[in-house]
Amino acid sequence: MCRLAAKAVIRLLVERRAIGLVTSYDLSLAQIPEKRELKGHNVHFARQSAAEGLGFNDHLRPGKVEQSNALKIIRLIGIPVG
């Protein structure tokens, strides 16, 4: 249901020629900009290795991210993941 809502909001923003940024851990949303009529681009922040968790630089890189950090973040804040 959330994916359907996100796609609807993104399409509405594109139809209204809005300029903006959408961020999500749902990697399937990265397929939306690949549709020519939407004229979008995927970018991501590169993850850096950090001994005590996650580190990110502040430079946007072209393309979609190839892996999600969602489970690592959830574990870092103490939520057990099966």
N, C-alpha and C. Protein backbone atom coordinates (compact mmCIF):
# COMPACT_ATOMS: atom_id res chain seq x y z
N MET A 1 0.82 -1.19 0.00
CA MET A 1 0.00 0.00 0.00
C MET A 1 0.87 1.26 0.00
N CYS A 2 1.94 1.27 0.79
CA CYS A 2 2.82 2.43 0.84
C CYS A 2 3.48 2.68 -0.51
N ARG A 3 3.87 1.61 -1.20
CA ARG A 3 4.50 1.75 -2.52
C ARG A 3 3.53 2.39 -3.50
N LEU A 4 2.29 1.98 -3.47
CA LEU A 4 1.28 2.55 -4.36
C LEU A 4 1.10 4.04 -4.07
N ALA A 5 1.07 4.40 -2.80
CA ALA A 5 0.92 5.81 -2.42
C ALA A 5 2.13 6.62 -2.87
N ALA A 6 3.32 6.08 -2.67
CA ALA A 6 4.54 6.79 -3.07
C ALA A 6 4.56 7.02 -4.58
N LYS A 7 4.21 6.01 -5.34
CA LYS A 7 4.18 6.15 -6.80
C LYS A 7 3.16 7.21 -7.23
N ALA A 8 2.02 7.25 -6.58
CA ALA A 8 0.99 8.23 -6.92
C ALA A 8 1.47 9.65 -6.63
N VAL A 9 2.13 9.85 -5.51
CA VAL A 9 2.65 11.17 -5.16
C VAL A 9 3.74 11.59 -6.14
N ILE A 10 4.63 10.68 -6.47
CA ILE A 10 5.72 11.00 -7.41
C ILE A 10 5.14 11.37 -8.78
N ARG A 11 4.18 10.59 -9.25
CA ARG A 11 3.58 10.89 -10.55
C ARG A 11 2.89 12.27 -10.55
N LEU A 12 2.20 12.59 -9.46
CA LEU A 12 1.54 13.88 -9.36
C LEU A 12 2.57 15.02 -9.40
N LEU A 13 3.66 14.86 -8.68
CA LEU A 13 4.71 15.89 -8.68
C LEU A 13 5.30 16.07 -10.07
N VAL A 14 5.52 14.97 -10.77
CA VAL A 14 6.07 15.04 -12.12
C VAL A 14 5.07 15.72 -13.06
N GLU A 15 3.80 15.35 -12.96
CA GLU A 15 2.77 15.97 -13.81
C GLU A 15 2.71 17.47 -13.61
N ARG A 16 2.99 17.91 -12.39
CA ARG A 16 2.94 19.35 -12.08
C ARG A 16 4.29 20.03 -12.29
N ARG A 17 5.21 19.27 -12.88
CA ARG A 17 6.54 19.78 -13.21
C ARG A 17 7.31 20.26 -11.98
N ALA A 18 7.10 19.59 -10.87
CA ALA A 18 7.79 19.93 -9.64
C ALA A 18 9.25 19.49 -9.71
N ILE A 19 10.06 20.15 -8.96
CA ILE A 19 11.46 19.77 -8.83
C ILE A 19 11.65 19.39 -7.37
N GLY A 20 12.25 18.23 -7.15
CA GLY A 20 12.42 17.82 -5.77
C GLY A 20 13.22 16.56 -5.64
N LEU A 21 13.19 16.02 -4.45
CA LEU A 21 13.97 14.84 -4.10
C LEU A 21 13.07 13.89 -3.34
N VAL A 22 13.13 12.62 -3.70
CA VAL A 22 12.39 11.58 -3.00
C VAL A 22 13.40 10.59 -2.46
N THR A 23 13.28 10.25 -1.21
CA THR A 23 14.19 9.27 -0.62
C THR A 23 13.36 8.14 -0.01
N SER A 24 13.86 6.91 -0.15
CA SER A 24 13.12 5.76 0.34
C SER A 24 14.05 4.56 0.47
N TYR A 25 13.69 3.66 1.36
CA TYR A 25 14.40 2.39 1.43
C TYR A 25 13.77 1.36 0.50
N ASP A 26 12.69 1.72 -0.17
CA ASP A 26 12.03 0.82 -1.11
C ASP A 26 12.74 0.93 -2.46
N LEU A 27 13.64 0.01 -2.73
CA LEU A 27 14.45 0.06 -3.94
C LEU A 27 13.62 -0.09 -5.22
N SER A 28 12.40 -0.62 -5.11
CA SER A 28 11.57 -0.74 -6.31
C SER A 28 11.16 0.63 -6.84
N LEU A 29 11.16 1.65 -5.99
CA LEU A 29 10.81 2.99 -6.46
C LEU A 29 11.87 3.56 -7.39
N ALA A 30 13.05 2.97 -7.39
CA ALA A 30 14.13 3.43 -8.28
C ALA A 30 13.81 3.16 -9.74
N GLN A 31 12.81 2.32 -10.00
CA GLN A 31 12.40 2.04 -11.38
C GLN A 31 11.61 3.19 -11.99
N ILE A 32 11.02 4.04 -11.16
CA ILE A 32 10.16 5.11 -11.66
C ILE A 32 10.92 6.07 -12.59
N PRO A 33 12.09 6.59 -12.22
CA PRO A 33 12.78 7.53 -13.11
C PRO A 33 13.26 6.91 -14.42
N GLU A 34 13.31 5.60 -14.50
CA GLU A 34 13.76 4.95 -15.72
C GLU A 34 12.72 5.05 -16.84
N LYS A 35 11.52 5.47 -16.50
CA LYS A 35 10.48 5.66 -17.52
C LYS A 35 10.70 7.02 -18.17
N ARG A 36 10.87 7.02 -19.47
CA ARG A 36 11.24 8.24 -20.19
C ARG A 36 10.30 9.42 -19.98
N GLU A 37 9.01 9.14 -19.88
CA GLU A 37 8.07 10.24 -19.77
C GLU A 37 8.19 10.99 -18.44
N LEU A 38 8.85 10.40 -17.46
CA LEU A 38 8.97 11.04 -16.15
C LEU A 38 10.20 11.94 -16.03
N LYS A 39 11.16 11.76 -16.88
CA LYS A 39 12.35 12.61 -16.90
C LYS A 39 13.03 12.73 -15.54
N GLY A 40 13.14 11.64 -14.83
CA GLY A 40 13.78 11.65 -13.53
C GLY A 40 15.16 11.04 -13.58
N HIS A 41 15.86 11.14 -12.49
CA HIS A 41 17.20 10.58 -12.38
C HIS A 41 17.36 9.94 -11.01
N ASN A 42 18.03 8.81 -10.99
CA ASN A 42 18.39 8.19 -9.72
C ASN A 42 19.77 8.68 -9.30
N VAL A 43 19.89 9.02 -8.04
CA VAL A 43 21.17 9.35 -7.44
C VAL A 43 21.19 8.74 -6.04
N HIS A 44 22.35 8.61 -5.48
CA HIS A 44 22.45 8.05 -4.13
C HIS A 44 23.67 8.61 -3.42
N PHE A 45 23.65 8.51 -2.10
CA PHE A 45 24.82 8.83 -1.31
C PHE A 45 25.62 7.55 -1.15
N ALA A 46 26.90 7.61 -1.42
CA ALA A 46 27.73 6.42 -1.31
C ALA A 46 27.97 6.10 0.17
N ARG A 47 27.89 4.83 0.48
CA ARG A 47 28.16 4.39 1.84
C ARG A 47 29.66 4.20 2.01
N GLN A 48 30.17 4.62 3.14
CA GLN A 48 31.57 4.42 3.46
C GLN A 48 31.67 3.39 4.57
N SER A 49 32.73 2.62 4.54
CA SER A 49 32.95 1.66 5.62
C SER A 49 33.24 2.41 6.91
N ALA A 50 32.57 2.01 7.94
CA ALA A 50 32.80 2.60 9.26
C ALA A 50 32.84 1.47 10.27
N ALA A 51 33.85 1.45 11.08
CA ALA A 51 34.04 0.36 12.03
C ALA A 51 32.88 0.24 13.01
N GLU A 52 32.27 1.36 13.39
CA GLU A 52 31.21 1.34 14.40
C GLU A 52 29.83 1.59 13.82
N GLY A 53 29.58 1.15 12.62
CA GLY A 53 28.25 1.33 12.08
C GLY A 53 28.28 1.77 10.63
N LEU A 54 27.53 2.81 10.33
CA LEU A 54 27.42 3.29 8.96
C LEU A 54 28.04 4.67 8.84
N GLY A 55 28.56 4.94 7.68
CA GLY A 55 29.06 6.26 7.38
C GLY A 55 28.64 6.62 5.97
N PHE A 56 28.33 7.87 5.76
CA PHE A 56 27.93 8.33 4.43
C PHE A 56 28.71 9.59 4.10
N ASN A 57 29.08 9.73 2.83
CA ASN A 57 29.67 11.00 2.45
C ASN A 57 28.56 11.92 1.99
N ASP A 58 28.86 13.14 1.71
CA ASP A 58 27.82 14.09 1.35
C ASP A 58 27.80 14.42 -0.14
N HIS A 59 28.32 13.50 -0.96
CA HIS A 59 28.32 13.70 -2.40
C HIS A 59 27.33 12.75 -3.06
N LEU A 60 26.44 13.32 -3.85
CA LEU A 60 25.51 12.48 -4.60
C LEU A 60 26.24 11.79 -5.74
N ARG A 61 25.96 10.54 -5.93
CA ARG A 61 26.54 9.75 -7.01
C ARG A 61 25.42 9.40 -8.00
N PRO A 62 25.73 9.31 -9.28
CA PRO A 62 24.70 8.95 -10.25
C PRO A 62 24.28 7.49 -10.11
N GLY A 63 23.03 7.21 -10.47
CA GLY A 63 22.53 5.83 -10.46
C GLY A 63 21.84 5.47 -9.17
N LYS A 64 21.18 4.32 -9.19
CA LYS A 64 20.49 3.86 -7.98
C LYS A 64 21.46 3.10 -7.09
N VAL A 65 21.16 3.09 -5.82
CA VAL A 65 21.97 2.35 -4.87
C VAL A 65 21.74 0.86 -5.12
N GLU A 66 22.75 0.06 -4.92
CA GLU A 66 22.64 -1.37 -5.22
C GLU A 66 22.25 -2.20 -4.00
N GLN A 67 22.31 -1.61 -2.83
CA GLN A 67 21.91 -2.36 -1.64
C GLN A 67 21.30 -1.42 -0.61
N SER A 68 20.43 -1.95 0.20
CA SER A 68 19.76 -1.15 1.22
C SER A 68 20.47 -1.32 2.55
N ASN A 69 20.50 -0.25 3.31
CA ASN A 69 21.09 -0.29 4.65
C ASN A 69 20.03 -0.41 5.74
N ALA A 70 18.78 -0.60 5.33
CA ALA A 70 17.67 -0.57 6.28
C ALA A 70 17.85 -1.56 7.43
N LEU A 71 18.21 -2.82 7.12
CA LEU A 71 18.36 -3.81 8.19
C LEU A 71 19.51 -3.47 9.12
N LYS A 72 20.60 -2.96 8.57
CA LYS A 72 21.73 -2.58 9.42
C LYS A 72 21.35 -1.43 10.35
N ILE A 73 20.61 -0.47 9.84
CA ILE A 73 20.17 0.66 10.67
C ILE A 73 19.24 0.18 11.77
N ILE A 74 18.31 -0.71 11.42
CA ILE A 74 17.38 -1.24 12.42
C ILE A 74 18.15 -1.97 13.52
N ARG A 75 19.14 -2.77 13.15
CA ARG A 75 19.94 -3.47 14.16
C ARG A 75 20.73 -2.49 15.02
N LEU A 76 21.28 -1.44 14.41
CA LEU A 76 22.07 -0.46 15.15
C LEU A 76 21.25 0.25 16.23
N ILE A 77 19.96 0.44 16.00
CA ILE A 77 19.15 1.12 17.01
C ILE A 77 18.54 0.13 17.99
N GLY A 78 18.92 -1.15 17.86
CA GLY A 78 18.54 -2.13 18.88
C GLY A 78 17.29 -2.94 18.62
N ILE A 79 16.77 -2.90 17.42
CA ILE A 79 15.59 -3.71 17.09
C ILE A 79 16.04 -5.05 16.55
N PRO A 80 15.66 -6.15 17.19
CA PRO A 80 16.08 -7.46 16.71
C PRO A 80 15.44 -7.79 15.35
N VAL A 81 16.27 -8.28 14.45
CA VAL A 81 15.80 -8.67 13.13
C VAL A 81 16.04 -10.17 12.97
N GLY A 82 14.99 -10.88 12.58
CA GLY A 82 15.06 -12.34 12.47
C GLY A 82 15.95 -12.89 11.42
